[in-house]
Amino acid sequence: MNKDKEVEAYKSGNLTPEEQTKYEIAQELGILDKVLEGGWKSLSAKETGRIGGIMARKKPKK
């Protein structure tokens, strides 16, 4: 999904649960504004890694 479509989906609440979790974590880390303005590619490797690490911990174990 491109940046504009994903931002619109976020604003309208039409995201998959995994994408919703990603946005919630970005908000918790205080980088949601950066994501909404520049997309996910605007994040540094450190920021992306933190989001991925938190998502891995929150993911239910099978």
PDB file of N, CA and C in Angstrom:
ATOM      1  N   MET A   1       0.857  -1.177   0.000  1.00  0.00           N
ATOM      2  CA  MET A   1       0.000   0.000   0.000  1.00  0.00           C
ATOM      3  C   MET A   1       0.899   1.236   0.000  1.00  0.00           C
ATOM      4  N   ASN A   2       0.594   2.223  -0.860  1.00  0.00           N
ATOM      5  CA  ASN A   2       1.438   3.410  -0.860  1.00  0.00           C
ATOM      6  C   ASN A   2       1.094   4.296   0.333  1.00  0.00           C
ATOM      7  N   LYS A   3       1.966   5.274   0.574  1.00  0.00           N
ATOM      8  CA  LYS A   3       1.856   6.105   1.773  1.00  0.00           C
ATOM      9  C   LYS A   3       0.507   6.809   1.871  1.00  0.00           C
ATOM     10  N   ASP A   4       0.062   7.445   0.794  1.00  0.00           N
ATOM     11  CA  ASP A   4      -1.183   8.209   0.847  1.00  0.00           C
ATOM     12  C   ASP A   4      -2.391   7.319   1.121  1.00  0.00           C
ATOM     13  N   LYS A   5      -2.440   6.158   0.475  1.00  0.00           N
ATOM     14  CA  LYS A   5      -3.555   5.238   0.700  1.00  0.00           C
ATOM     15  C   LYS A   5      -3.539   4.697   2.122  1.00  0.00           C
ATOM     16  N   GLU A   6      -2.355   4.406   2.646  1.00  0.00           N
ATOM     17  CA  GLU A   6      -2.263   3.866   3.998  1.00  0.00           C
ATOM     18  C   GLU A   6      -2.647   4.918   5.035  1.00  0.00           C
ATOM     19  N   VAL A   7      -2.245   6.162   4.814  1.00  0.00           N
ATOM     20  CA  VAL A   7      -2.612   7.237   5.737  1.00  0.00           C
ATOM     21  C   VAL A   7      -4.129   7.435   5.723  1.00  0.00           C
ATOM     22  N   GLU A   8      -4.728   7.408   4.547  1.00  0.00           N
ATOM     23  CA  GLU A   8      -6.186   7.529   4.457  1.00  0.00           C
ATOM     24  C   GLU A   8      -6.877   6.355   5.156  1.00  0.00           C
ATOM     25  N   ALA A   9      -6.339   5.148   4.977  1.00  0.00           N
ATOM     26  CA  ALA A   9      -6.903   3.972   5.647  1.00  0.00           C
ATOM     27  C   ALA A   9      -6.783   4.120   7.157  1.00  0.00           C
ATOM     28  N   TYR A  10      -5.658   4.670   7.630  1.00  0.00           N
ATOM     29  CA  TYR A  10      -5.471   4.890   9.070  1.00  0.00           C
ATOM     30  C   TYR A  10      -6.506   5.876   9.601  1.00  0.00           C
ATOM     31  N   LYS A  11      -6.670   6.979   8.875  1.00  0.00           N
ATOM     32  CA  LYS A  11      -7.590   8.014   9.335  1.00  0.00           C
ATOM     33  C   LYS A  11      -9.040   7.537   9.325  1.00  0.00           C
ATOM     34  N   SER A  12      -9.382   6.659   8.374  1.00  0.00           N
ATOM     35  CA  SER A  12     -10.753   6.165   8.303  1.00  0.00           C
ATOM     36  C   SER A  12     -10.961   4.887   9.117  1.00  0.00           C
ATOM     37  N   GLY A  13      -9.878   4.323   9.672  1.00  0.00           N
ATOM     38  CA  GLY A  13      -9.997   3.133  10.510  1.00  0.00           C
ATOM     39  C   GLY A  13     -10.108   1.836   9.733  1.00  0.00           C
ATOM     40  N   ASN A  14      -9.635   1.806   8.483  1.00  0.00           N
ATOM     41  CA  ASN A  14      -9.733   0.617   7.644  1.00  0.00           C
ATOM     42  C   ASN A  14      -8.389  -0.096   7.509  1.00  0.00           C
ATOM     43  N   LEU A  15      -7.757  -0.396   8.618  1.00  0.00           N
ATOM     44  CA  LEU A  15      -6.471  -1.089   8.603  1.00  0.00           C
ATOM     45  C   LEU A  15      -6.628  -2.511   9.115  1.00  0.00           C
ATOM     46  N   THR A  16      -5.698  -3.368   8.694  1.00  0.00           N
ATOM     47  CA  THR A  16      -5.672  -4.716   9.250  1.00  0.00           C
ATOM     48  C   THR A  16      -5.219  -4.611  10.699  1.00  0.00           C
ATOM     49  N   PRO A  17      -5.489  -5.617  11.514  1.00  0.00           N
ATOM     50  CA  PRO A  17      -5.059  -5.563  12.921  1.00  0.00           C
ATOM     51  C   PRO A  17      -3.542  -5.357  13.068  1.00  0.00           C
ATOM     52  N   GLU A  18      -2.772  -5.984  12.197  1.00  0.00           N
ATOM     53  CA  GLU A  18      -1.310  -5.839  12.278  1.00  0.00           C
ATOM     54  C   GLU A  18      -0.885  -4.401  11.955  1.00  0.00           C
ATOM     55  N   GLU A  19      -1.476  -3.800  10.931  1.00  0.00           N
ATOM     56  CA  GLU A  19      -1.157  -2.417  10.591  1.00  0.00           C
ATOM     57  C   GLU A  19      -1.609  -1.470  11.700  1.00  0.00           C
ATOM     58  N   GLN A  20      -2.752  -1.747  12.288  1.00  0.00           N
ATOM     59  CA  GLN A  20      -3.256  -0.926  13.389  1.00  0.00           C
ATOM     60  C   GLN A  20      -2.284  -0.959  14.567  1.00  0.00           C
ATOM     61  N   THR A  21      -1.753  -2.150  14.856  1.00  0.00           N
ATOM     62  CA  THR A  21      -0.779  -2.291  15.937  1.00  0.00           C
ATOM     63  C   THR A  21       0.461  -1.459  15.647  1.00  0.00           C
ATOM     64  N   LYS A  22       0.912  -1.464  14.398  1.00  0.00           N
ATOM     65  CA  LYS A  22       2.078  -0.686  14.001  1.00  0.00           C
ATOM     66  C   LYS A  22       1.861   0.798  14.275  1.00  0.00           C
ATOM     67  N   TYR A  23       0.704   1.298  13.920  1.00  0.00           N
ATOM     68  CA  TYR A  23       0.405   2.716  14.153  1.00  0.00           C
ATOM     69  C   TYR A  23       0.291   3.018  15.647  1.00  0.00           C
ATOM     70  N   GLU A  24      -0.288   2.116  16.422  1.00  0.00           N
ATOM     71  CA  GLU A  24      -0.397   2.320  17.871  1.00  0.00           C
ATOM     72  C   GLU A  24       0.978   2.392  18.510  1.00  0.00           C
ATOM     73  N   ILE A  25       1.889   1.523  18.080  1.00  0.00           N
ATOM     74  CA  ILE A  25       3.243   1.526  18.623  1.00  0.00           C
ATOM     75  C   ILE A  25       3.962   2.812  18.234  1.00  0.00           C
ATOM     76  N   ALA A  26       3.790   3.241  16.979  1.00  0.00           N
ATOM     77  CA  ALA A  26       4.399   4.504  16.540  1.00  0.00           C
ATOM     78  C   ALA A  26       3.902   5.659  17.387  1.00  0.00           C
ATOM     79  N   GLN A  27       2.625   5.637  17.736  1.00  0.00           N
ATOM     80  CA  GLN A  27       2.075   6.686  18.584  1.00  0.00           C
ATOM     81  C   GLN A  27       2.685   6.628  19.979  1.00  0.00           C
ATOM     82  N   GLU A  28       2.823   5.422  20.531  1.00  0.00           N
ATOM     83  CA  GLU A  28       3.424   5.260  21.857  1.00  0.00           C
ATOM     84  C   GLU A  28       4.860   5.785  21.878  1.00  0.00           C
ATOM     85  N   LEU A  29       5.593   5.579  20.773  1.00  0.00           N
ATOM     86  CA  LEU A  29       6.981   6.011  20.695  1.00  0.00           C
ATOM     87  C   LEU A  29       7.124   7.487  20.340  1.00  0.00           C
ATOM     88  N   GLY A  30       6.008   8.134  20.006  1.00  0.00           N
ATOM     89  CA  GLY A  30       6.035   9.550  19.685  1.00  0.00           C
ATOM     90  C   GLY A  30       6.495   9.857  18.272  1.00  0.00           C
ATOM     91  N   ILE A  31       6.392   8.889  17.364  1.00  0.00           N
ATOM     92  CA  ILE A  31       6.846   9.103  15.993  1.00  0.00           C
ATOM     93  C   ILE A  31       5.700   8.993  14.983  1.00  0.00           C
ATOM     94  N   LEU A  32       4.480   8.996  15.457  1.00  0.00           N
ATOM     95  CA  LEU A  32       3.331   8.867  14.557  1.00  0.00           C
ATOM     96  C   LEU A  32       3.258  10.027  13.571  1.00  0.00           C
ATOM     97  N   ASP A  33       3.512  11.252  14.034  1.00  0.00           N
ATOM     98  CA  ASP A  33       3.472  12.411  13.132  1.00  0.00           C
ATOM     99  C   ASP A  33       4.490  12.263  12.006  1.00  0.00           C
ATOM    100  N   LYS A  34       5.651  11.771  12.340  1.00  0.00           N
ATOM    101  CA  LYS A  34       6.697  11.554  11.341  1.00  0.00           C
ATOM    102  C   LYS A  34       6.255  10.521  10.305  1.00  0.00           C
ATOM    103  N   VAL A  35       5.582   9.470  10.753  1.00  0.00           N
ATOM    104  CA  VAL A  35       5.088   8.430   9.850  1.00  0.00           C
ATOM    105  C   VAL A  35       3.989   8.985   8.948  1.00  0.00           C
ATOM    106  N   LEU A  36       3.072   9.752   9.507  1.00  0.00           N
ATOM    107  CA  LEU A  36       1.973  10.299   8.726  1.00  0.00           C
ATOM    108  C   LEU A  36       2.459  11.307   7.688  1.00  0.00           C
ATOM    109  N   GLU A  37       3.522  12.046   7.993  1.00  0.00           N
ATOM    110  CA  GLU A  37       4.045  13.041   7.054  1.00  0.00           C
ATOM    111  C   GLU A  37       4.915  12.414   5.972  1.00  0.00           C
ATOM    112  N   GLY A  38       5.824  11.514   6.374  1.00  0.00           N
ATOM    113  CA  GLY A  38       6.801  10.995   5.422  1.00  0.00           C
ATOM    114  C   GLY A  38       6.672   9.530   5.093  1.00  0.00           C
ATOM    115  N   GLY A  39       5.737   8.856   5.702  1.00  0.00           N
ATOM    116  CA  GLY A  39       5.588   7.423   5.472  1.00  0.00           C
ATOM    117  C   GLY A  39       6.579   6.624   6.305  1.00  0.00           C
ATOM    118  N   TRP A  40       6.471   5.306   6.209  1.00  0.00           N
ATOM    119  CA  TRP A  40       7.324   4.433   7.013  1.00  0.00           C
ATOM    120  C   TRP A  40       8.782   4.525   6.601  1.00  0.00           C
ATOM    121  N   LYS A  41       9.050   4.859   5.331  1.00  0.00           N
ATOM    122  CA  LYS A  41      10.437   4.922   4.869  1.00  0.00           C
ATOM    123  C   LYS A  41      11.185   6.127   5.445  1.00  0.00           C
ATOM    124  N   SER A  42      10.477   7.060   6.064  1.00  0.00           N
ATOM    125  CA  SER A  42      11.127   8.226   6.661  1.00  0.00           C
ATOM    126  C   SER A  42      11.738   7.916   8.032  1.00  0.00           C
ATOM    127  N   LEU A  43      11.450   6.736   8.567  1.00  0.00           N
ATOM    128  CA  LEU A  43      11.986   6.356   9.875  1.00  0.00           C
ATOM    129  C   LEU A  43      13.423   5.857   9.763  1.00  0.00           C
ATOM    130  N   SER A  44      14.160   6.038  10.842  1.00  0.00           N
ATOM    131  CA  SER A  44      15.525   5.511  10.883  1.00  0.00           C
ATOM    132  C   SER A  44      15.472   4.010  11.157  1.00  0.00           C
ATOM    133  N   ALA A  45      16.595   3.351  10.962  1.00  0.00           N
ATOM    134  CA  ALA A  45      16.670   1.912  11.221  1.00  0.00           C
ATOM    135  C   ALA A  45      16.397   1.626  12.700  1.00  0.00           C
ATOM    136  N   LYS A  46      16.857   2.495  13.560  1.00  0.00           N
ATOM    137  CA  LYS A  46      16.637   2.312  14.998  1.00  0.00           C
ATOM    138  C   LYS A  46      15.152   2.375  15.340  1.00  0.00           C
ATOM    139  N   GLU A  47      14.453   3.348  14.764  1.00  0.00           N
ATOM    140  CA  GLU A  47      13.020   3.492  15.026  1.00  0.00           C
ATOM    141  C   GLU A  47      12.243   2.298  14.476  1.00  0.00           C
ATOM    142  N   THR A  48      12.598   1.884  13.265  1.00  0.00           N
ATOM    143  CA  THR A  48      11.936   0.735  12.652  1.00  0.00           C
ATOM    144  C   THR A  48      12.174  -0.528  13.470  1.00  0.00           C
ATOM    145  N   GLY A  49      13.388  -0.699  13.938  1.00  0.00           N
ATOM    146  CA  GLY A  49      13.714  -1.863  14.762  1.00  0.00           C
ATOM    147  C   GLY A  49      12.955  -1.887  16.070  1.00  0.00           C
ATOM    148  N   ARG A  50      12.779  -0.733  16.670  1.00  0.00           N
ATOM    149  CA  ARG A  50      12.013  -0.668  17.924  1.00  0.00           C
ATOM    150  C   ARG A  50      10.572  -1.073  17.694  1.00  0.00           C
ATOM    151  N   ILE A  51       9.984  -0.602  16.594  1.00  0.00           N
ATOM    152  CA  ILE A  51       8.600  -0.971  16.276  1.00  0.00           C
ATOM    153  C   ILE A  51       8.507  -2.476  16.044  1.00  0.00           C
ATOM    154  N   GLY A  52       9.437  -3.022  15.268  1.00  0.00           N
ATOM    155  CA  GLY A  52       9.434  -4.462  14.996  1.00  0.00           C
ATOM    156  C   GLY A  52       9.616  -5.291  16.252  1.00  0.00           C
ATOM    157  N   GLY A  53      10.489  -4.849  17.138  1.00  0.00           N
ATOM    158  CA  GLY A  53      10.711  -5.573  18.385  1.00  0.00           C
ATOM    159  C   GLY A  53       9.492  -5.585  19.282  1.00  0.00           C
ATOM    160  N   ILE A  54       8.833  -4.446  19.376  1.00  0.00           N
ATOM    161  CA  ILE A  54       7.629  -4.358  20.205  1.00  0.00           C
ATOM    162  C   ILE A  54       6.514  -5.202  19.594  1.00  0.00           C
ATOM    163  N   MET A  55       6.397  -5.177  18.267  1.00  0.00           N
ATOM    164  CA  MET A  55       5.370  -6.001  17.603  1.00  0.00           C
ATOM    165  C   MET A  55       5.613  -7.483  17.847  1.00  0.00           C
ATOM    166  N   ALA A  56       6.874  -7.887  17.820  1.00  0.00           N
ATOM    167  CA  ALA A  56       7.207  -9.296  18.046  1.00  0.00           C
ATOM    168  C   ALA A  56       6.830  -9.723  19.469  1.00  0.00           C
ATOM    169  N   ARG A  57       7.015  -8.823  20.426  1.00  0.00           N
ATOM    170  CA  ARG A  57       6.647  -9.149  21.806  1.00  0.00           C
ATOM    171  C   ARG A  57       5.144  -9.205  21.997  1.00  0.00           C
ATOM    172  N   LYS A  58       4.419  -8.348  21.278  1.00  0.00           N
ATOM    173  CA  LYS A  58       2.961  -8.318  21.419  1.00  0.00           C
ATOM    174  C   LYS A  58       2.267  -9.419  20.648  1.00  0.00           C
ATOM    175  N   LYS A  59       2.943  -9.992  19.659  1.00  0.00           N
ATOM    176  CA  LYS A  59       2.329 -11.013  18.818  1.00  0.00           C
ATOM    177  C   LYS A  59       2.024 -12.247  19.678  1.00  0.00           C
ATOM    178  N   PRO A  60       0.818 -12.746  19.592  1.00  0.00           N
ATOM    179  CA  PRO A  60       0.467 -13.919  20.399  1.00  0.00           C
ATOM    180  C   PRO A  60       1.281 -15.152  19.959  1.00  0.00           C
ATOM    181  N   LYS A  61       1.726 -15.886  20.946  1.00  0.00           N
ATOM    182  CA  LYS A  61       2.513 -17.087  20.665  1.00  0.00           C
ATOM    183  C   LYS A  61       1.596 -18.247  20.334  1.00  0.00           C
ATOM    184  N   LYS A  62       2.013 -19.026  19.344  1.00  0.00           N
ATOM    185  CA  LYS A  62       1.194 -20.167  18.929  1.00  0.00           C
ATOM    186  C   LYS A  62       1.597 -21.422  19.682  1.00  0.00           C
TER     187      LYS A  62
END
